Amino acid sequence: DAVGEIVAIGDDVEHYKVGDKVWYAGDITRQGTNAEYHLVDERIVGKQPLTLSNTEAAALPLTAITAWELLFDRLGFDLLGFNVINHAASDTRLLIVGASGGVGSILTQLAVKLTNATVIGTASRQESQAWVTSLGADYVIDHSKSLTEELARIGISDVTHVISLTHTDKHFNEIVEALAPQGQLALIDDPQEPIDIMKLKRKSLSLHWELMFTRSMFQTADMDKQRQLLNAVSSLIDDGELVTTLGQNFGKINAENLIKAHAYIESGKSIGKVVLEGF
């Protein structure tokens, strides 16, 4: 992720000019954002929210793109109007496994604000459960326990959609059991153990994988959708509909702080996103 100011543009740039404040998640076929200057395609760049600081904004681009693509591109949720809040309930029940992390924190908000699904987030610690509740989830359950038993505890027999953000291999059997027939499973992580997709057949469940770098990596025809969705998220933030998912600020971008930040993320105890700023 990055937030910054444009210092130069190419001849074909249409949407931005020098001096514009922008945000983006970059392209893994190019050098990344531990550097002071970045070369980035304008089709994956959005306008920075006016109401957030650089630090608050830097927590969001990659996760916002991932969450948006999960909901509206991979799972095909209907995108409800930006200014409509408290949508009427539907029979759509979305379970988000790992809702307190970076992607989960913005995904929960987008699902609550822009769909009419009942949103059930998972978190295992008291502070992370409180965080997910504050983001608007209808229910929060504990993924360190049986998912099906936890769903039964809150009176939900099954779910129509699951988005698994972490430890999918650990939860896979429970996810299959929790999904209603003809349900949908989407994931973003890299399971350490193989998952047996044959278990999806009996219920006619579908599997969707999300990687937000696919559009930039393959220069897809719809690559500009990332610019558009980043601008939509920026507007939602400035309208007060979404909040930053910043968890920790580790200070200047240098080797020492990068090591500390990675160690914190790998501890499995992070809430929201980790940001570094300045050189």
Protein backbone atom coordinates (compact mmCIF):
# COMPACT_ATOMS: atom_id res chain seq x y z
CA ASP A 1 0.00 0.00 0.00
CA ALA A 2 1.06 3.60 -0.44
CA VAL A 3 -0.16 7.16 -0.09
CA GLY A 4 1.79 9.93 -1.77
CA GLU A 5 1.97 12.94 -4.04
CA ILE A 6 2.47 12.72 -7.80
CA VAL A 7 5.80 14.26 -8.83
CA ALA A 8 5.75 13.35 -12.55
CA ILE A 9 3.35 11.81 -15.08
CA GLY A 10 3.66 10.00 -18.38
CA ASP A 11 2.34 11.25 -21.72
CA ASP A 12 -0.74 8.98 -21.65
CA VAL A 13 -1.98 9.84 -18.15
CA GLU A 14 -5.59 11.07 -18.27
CA HIS A 15 -6.89 11.26 -14.72
CA TYR A 16 -4.11 12.81 -12.63
CA LYS A 17 -1.66 15.69 -12.62
CA VAL A 18 1.51 16.59 -10.75
CA GLY A 19 0.68 17.54 -7.18
CA ASP A 20 -2.34 15.26 -6.81
CA LYS A 21 -2.55 13.26 -3.57
CA VAL A 22 -3.20 9.61 -4.37
CA TRP A 23 -3.30 6.10 -2.90
CA TYR A 24 -2.80 2.67 -4.40
CA ALA A 25 -1.60 -0.87 -3.74
CA GLY A 26 1.04 -1.11 -6.43
CA ASP A 27 1.99 -3.95 -8.73
CA ILE A 28 4.08 -6.97 -7.68
CA THR A 29 5.82 -7.03 -11.07
CA ARG A 30 7.45 -3.68 -10.12
CA GLN A 31 9.47 -2.43 -7.17
CA GLY A 32 7.38 -1.94 -4.04
CA THR A 33 6.55 0.69 -1.47
CA ASN A 34 9.52 0.32 0.86
CA ALA A 35 11.15 2.73 -1.62
CA GLU A 36 10.71 6.50 -1.53
CA TYR A 37 9.59 6.83 -5.18
CA HIS A 38 7.28 4.49 -7.07
CA LEU A 39 6.32 4.04 -10.70
CA VAL A 40 2.66 3.05 -10.89
CA ASP A 41 0.00 2.67 -13.61
CA GLU A 42 -2.78 5.23 -13.20
CA ARG A 43 -5.40 2.52 -13.75
CA ILE A 44 -4.72 1.19 -10.25
CA VAL A 45 -4.45 4.60 -8.55
CA GLY A 46 -7.20 6.42 -6.68
CA LYS A 47 -7.58 9.85 -5.12
CA GLN A 48 -6.59 9.92 -1.45
CA PRO A 49 -9.49 10.54 0.97
CA LEU A 50 -9.55 14.15 2.11
CA THR A 51 -10.61 13.33 5.67
CA LEU A 52 -7.79 10.93 6.57
CA SER A 53 -4.17 11.57 7.42
CA ASN A 54 -1.50 9.93 5.27
CA THR A 55 -1.01 7.29 7.97
CA GLU A 56 -4.72 6.52 8.28
CA ALA A 57 -5.14 6.31 4.52
CA ALA A 58 -2.08 4.13 3.92
CA ALA A 59 -3.72 1.27 5.84
CA LEU A 60 -6.46 0.81 3.26
CA PRO A 61 -5.74 0.45 -0.49
CA LEU A 62 -4.65 -3.19 -0.83
CA THR A 63 -7.20 -4.49 1.63
CA ALA A 64 -10.01 -2.32 0.24
CA ILE A 65 -9.36 -3.61 -3.29
CA THR A 66 -9.20 -7.20 -2.04
CA ALA A 67 -12.42 -6.86 -0.04
CA TRP A 68 -14.29 -5.09 -2.84
CA GLU A 69 -13.24 -7.68 -5.42
CA LEU A 70 -14.18 -10.52 -3.08
CA LEU A 71 -17.69 -9.20 -2.56
CA PHE A 72 -18.60 -7.82 -5.96
CA ASP A 73 -16.34 -9.55 -8.51
CA ARG A 74 -15.77 -13.01 -7.05
CA LEU A 75 -19.00 -13.67 -5.10
CA GLY A 76 -21.25 -11.45 -7.20
CA PHE A 77 -22.98 -9.55 -4.40
CA ASP A 78 -25.30 -6.78 -5.56
CA LEU A 79 -23.71 -3.39 -4.92
CA LEU A 80 -26.31 -1.32 -3.11
CA GLY A 81 -26.35 2.48 -3.18
CA PHE A 82 -23.50 4.23 -1.38
CA ASN A 83 -25.86 6.45 0.58
CA VAL A 84 -28.20 3.70 1.77
CA ILE A 85 -27.58 2.55 5.32
CA ASN A 86 -29.38 -0.09 7.40
CA HIS A 87 -30.47 -2.15 4.41
CA ALA A 88 -33.43 -4.45 4.86
CA ALA A 89 -32.39 -7.90 6.02
CA SER A 90 -32.21 -10.71 3.46
CA ASP A 91 -31.67 -14.44 3.60
CA THR A 92 -28.03 -13.91 2.60
CA ARG A 93 -25.71 -14.86 5.44
CA LEU A 94 -22.00 -14.05 5.06
CA LEU A 95 -19.40 -15.59 7.37
CA ILE A 96 -16.02 -13.80 7.40
CA VAL A 97 -13.26 -15.97 8.89
CA GLY A 98 -10.56 -13.70 10.32
CA ALA A 99 -12.61 -10.51 10.42
CA SER A 100 -10.29 -8.50 12.68
CA GLY A 101 -7.27 -8.45 10.36
CA GLY A 102 -6.43 -5.97 7.62
CA VAL A 103 -8.70 -7.34 4.90
CA GLY A 104 -11.35 -8.42 7.40
CA SER A 105 -11.57 -4.96 8.93
CA ILE A 106 -12.53 -3.24 5.68
CA LEU A 107 -14.44 -6.24 4.31
CA THR A 108 -16.74 -6.21 7.33
CA GLN A 109 -17.47 -2.52 6.80
CA LEU A 110 -18.11 -2.87 3.06
CA ALA A 111 -20.38 -5.88 3.59
CA VAL A 112 -22.38 -4.03 6.26
CA LYS A 113 -22.66 -0.78 4.28
CA LEU A 114 -23.00 -1.97 0.69
CA THR A 115 -24.86 -5.30 0.87
CA ASN A 116 -27.97 -6.50 2.67
CA ALA A 117 -26.32 -9.65 4.01
CA THR A 118 -26.31 -10.68 7.64
CA VAL A 119 -22.60 -10.33 8.47
CA ILE A 120 -20.97 -12.76 10.89
CA GLY A 121 -17.32 -12.11 11.67
CA THR A 122 -14.90 -14.36 13.50
CA ALA A 123 -12.23 -13.33 16.02
CA SER A 124 -10.65 -15.28 18.84
CA ARG A 125 -9.62 -12.67 21.40
CA GLN A 126 -11.75 -10.27 23.42
CA GLU A 127 -10.13 -7.15 21.97
CA SER A 128 -10.36 -8.38 18.38
CA GLN A 129 -14.00 -9.40 18.89
CA ALA A 130 -14.78 -5.91 20.21
CA TRP A 131 -13.06 -4.40 17.16
CA VAL A 132 -15.18 -6.46 14.73
CA THR A 133 -18.33 -5.51 16.62
CA SER A 134 -17.38 -1.83 16.39
CA LEU A 135 -17.10 -2.20 12.60
CA GLY A 136 -20.77 -3.14 12.39
CA ALA A 137 -20.85 -6.94 12.19
CA ASP A 138 -24.25 -8.37 13.13
CA TYR A 139 -22.57 -11.19 15.07
CA VAL A 140 -19.05 -12.11 16.15
CA ILE A 141 -18.06 -15.73 16.83
CA ASP A 142 -14.84 -17.39 17.97
CA HIS A 143 -12.88 -19.23 15.25
CA SER A 144 -10.73 -20.99 17.85
CA LYS A 145 -13.85 -23.06 18.54
CA SER A 146 -16.04 -25.11 16.20
CA LEU A 147 -17.53 -22.75 13.61
CA THR A 148 -20.72 -24.77 13.30
CA GLU A 149 -21.19 -24.87 17.07
CA GLU A 150 -20.51 -21.15 17.31
CA LEU A 151 -23.06 -20.46 14.56
CA ALA A 152 -25.61 -22.63 16.35
CA ARG A 153 -24.94 -20.65 19.53
CA ILE A 154 -26.17 -17.47 17.82
CA GLY A 155 -29.12 -19.26 16.22
CA ILE A 156 -27.79 -19.60 12.67
CA SER A 157 -28.00 -23.07 11.12
CA ASP A 158 -25.98 -22.36 7.97
CA VAL A 159 -24.55 -19.56 5.84
CA THR A 160 -24.85 -18.81 2.14
CA HIS A 161 -21.36 -17.35 1.69
CA VAL A 162 -18.01 -17.75 3.42
CA ILE A 163 -14.97 -15.55 2.92
CA SER A 164 -11.96 -17.21 4.52
CA LEU A 165 -9.03 -14.87 5.07
CA THR A 166 -6.70 -17.01 7.15
CA HIS A 167 -6.00 -20.67 8.03
CA THR A 168 -8.47 -21.95 5.43
CA ASP A 169 -6.99 -25.45 5.65
CA LYS A 170 -7.63 -25.52 9.40
CA HIS A 171 -11.27 -24.46 9.02
CA PHE A 172 -12.10 -26.11 5.68
CA ASN A 173 -14.18 -29.04 6.94
CA GLU A 174 -16.18 -26.77 9.23
CA ILE A 175 -16.70 -24.27 6.41
CA VAL A 176 -18.06 -26.99 4.14
CA GLU A 177 -20.41 -28.12 6.90
CA ALA A 178 -21.55 -24.56 7.66
CA LEU A 179 -22.31 -23.65 4.03
CA ALA A 180 -25.85 -24.10 2.76
CA PRO A 181 -26.32 -26.13 -0.43
CA GLN A 182 -25.28 -24.15 -3.53
CA GLY A 183 -23.33 -21.78 -1.31
CA GLN A 184 -20.09 -19.99 -2.18
CA LEU A 185 -16.63 -20.03 -0.62
CA ALA A 186 -13.96 -17.42 -1.38
CA LEU A 187 -10.46 -17.32 0.05
CA ILE A 188 -7.28 -15.27 -0.20
CA ASP A 189 -4.70 -17.19 1.82
CA ASP A 190 -2.29 -19.96 0.79
CA PRO A 191 -3.34 -23.08 2.71
CA GLN A 192 -0.36 -24.88 4.24
CA GLU A 193 -2.13 -28.24 3.92
CA PRO A 194 -4.04 -29.37 0.82
CA ILE A 195 -7.78 -28.80 0.83
CA ASP A 196 -10.00 -31.48 -0.68
CA ILE A 197 -12.30 -29.65 -3.07
CA MET A 198 -14.20 -32.90 -3.73
CA LYS A 199 -15.94 -32.17 -0.43
CA LEU A 200 -17.68 -29.25 -2.18
CA LYS A 201 -19.44 -31.45 -4.74
CA ARG A 202 -22.21 -32.94 -2.60
CA LYS A 203 -23.64 -29.48 -1.85
CA SER A 204 -22.74 -27.99 -5.27
CA LEU A 205 -20.56 -25.42 -3.54
CA SER A 206 -18.44 -23.06 -5.61
CA LEU A 207 -14.86 -22.01 -4.85
CA HIS A 208 -13.41 -18.58 -5.68
CA TRP A 209 -9.86 -17.37 -5.21
CA GLU A 210 -9.00 -13.68 -4.94
CA LEU A 211 -5.69 -11.99 -5.63
CA MET A 212 -5.93 -8.24 -6.08
CA PHE A 213 -2.68 -8.17 -8.08
CA THR A 214 -4.17 -10.26 -10.91
CA ARG A 215 -5.47 -7.27 -12.86
CA SER A 216 -2.16 -5.39 -12.81
CA MET A 217 -0.04 -8.52 -13.29
CA PHE A 218 -1.89 -9.55 -16.44
CA GLN A 219 -2.86 -6.05 -17.63
CA THR A 220 -6.50 -7.16 -17.86
CA ALA A 221 -9.01 -5.25 -19.98
CA ASP A 222 -10.88 -4.21 -16.82
CA MET A 223 -7.77 -3.05 -14.93
CA ASP A 224 -9.24 0.46 -14.55
CA LYS A 225 -11.87 -0.96 -12.18
CA GLN A 226 -9.30 -0.70 -9.40
CA ARG A 227 -8.96 3.05 -9.93
CA GLN A 228 -12.75 3.36 -9.89
CA LEU A 229 -13.25 1.31 -6.74
CA LEU A 230 -10.48 3.15 -4.88
CA ASN A 231 -12.23 6.42 -5.71
CA ALA A 232 -15.54 4.93 -4.53
CA VAL A 233 -13.94 3.88 -1.23
CA SER A 234 -12.40 7.33 -0.89
CA SER A 235 -15.84 8.91 -1.27
CA LEU A 236 -17.35 6.52 1.27
CA ILE A 237 -14.65 7.48 3.78
CA ASP A 238 -15.13 11.21 3.21
CA ASP A 239 -18.90 10.71 3.60
CA GLY A 240 -18.30 9.12 7.00
CA GLU A 241 -19.48 5.63 5.95
CA LEU A 242 -16.12 3.85 6.43
CA VAL A 243 -13.31 4.26 8.96
CA THR A 244 -9.59 3.62 8.68
CA THR A 245 -8.34 0.15 9.58
CA LEU A 246 -5.04 1.48 10.96
CA GLY A 247 -3.90 -0.64 13.88
CA GLN A 248 -0.27 0.29 14.55
CA ASN A 249 2.15 2.95 13.31
CA PHE A 250 5.76 1.72 13.53
CA GLY A 251 7.34 5.03 12.54
CA LYS A 252 9.95 5.73 9.87
CA ILE A 253 10.48 3.40 6.92
CA ASN A 254 13.83 1.80 7.71
CA ALA A 255 15.21 -1.71 8.12
CA GLU A 256 14.80 -1.79 11.91
CA ASN A 257 11.15 -0.76 11.87
CA LEU A 258 10.33 -3.02 8.93
CA ILE A 259 11.67 -6.00 10.87
CA LYS A 260 9.59 -5.01 13.91
CA ALA A 261 6.48 -4.58 11.79
CA HIS A 262 6.85 -7.96 10.09
CA ALA A 263 7.46 -9.68 13.44
CA TYR A 264 4.30 -8.12 14.85
CA ILE A 265 2.21 -9.25 11.88
CA GLU A 266 3.66 -12.76 12.05
CA SER A 267 2.76 -12.98 15.76
CA GLY A 268 -0.88 -13.48 14.75
CA LYS A 269 -1.99 -10.84 17.24
CA SER A 270 -2.27 -7.82 14.95
CA ILE A 271 -5.55 -5.94 14.65
CA GLY A 272 -6.14 -3.89 11.52
CA LYS A 273 -3.16 -2.78 9.44
CA VAL A 274 0.44 -1.80 10.27
CA VAL A 275 1.76 1.42 8.72
CA LEU A 276 5.20 3.06 8.46
CA GLU A 277 5.70 6.60 7.22
CA GLY A 278 8.50 8.86 6.04
CA PHE A 279 12.17 8.27 5.27
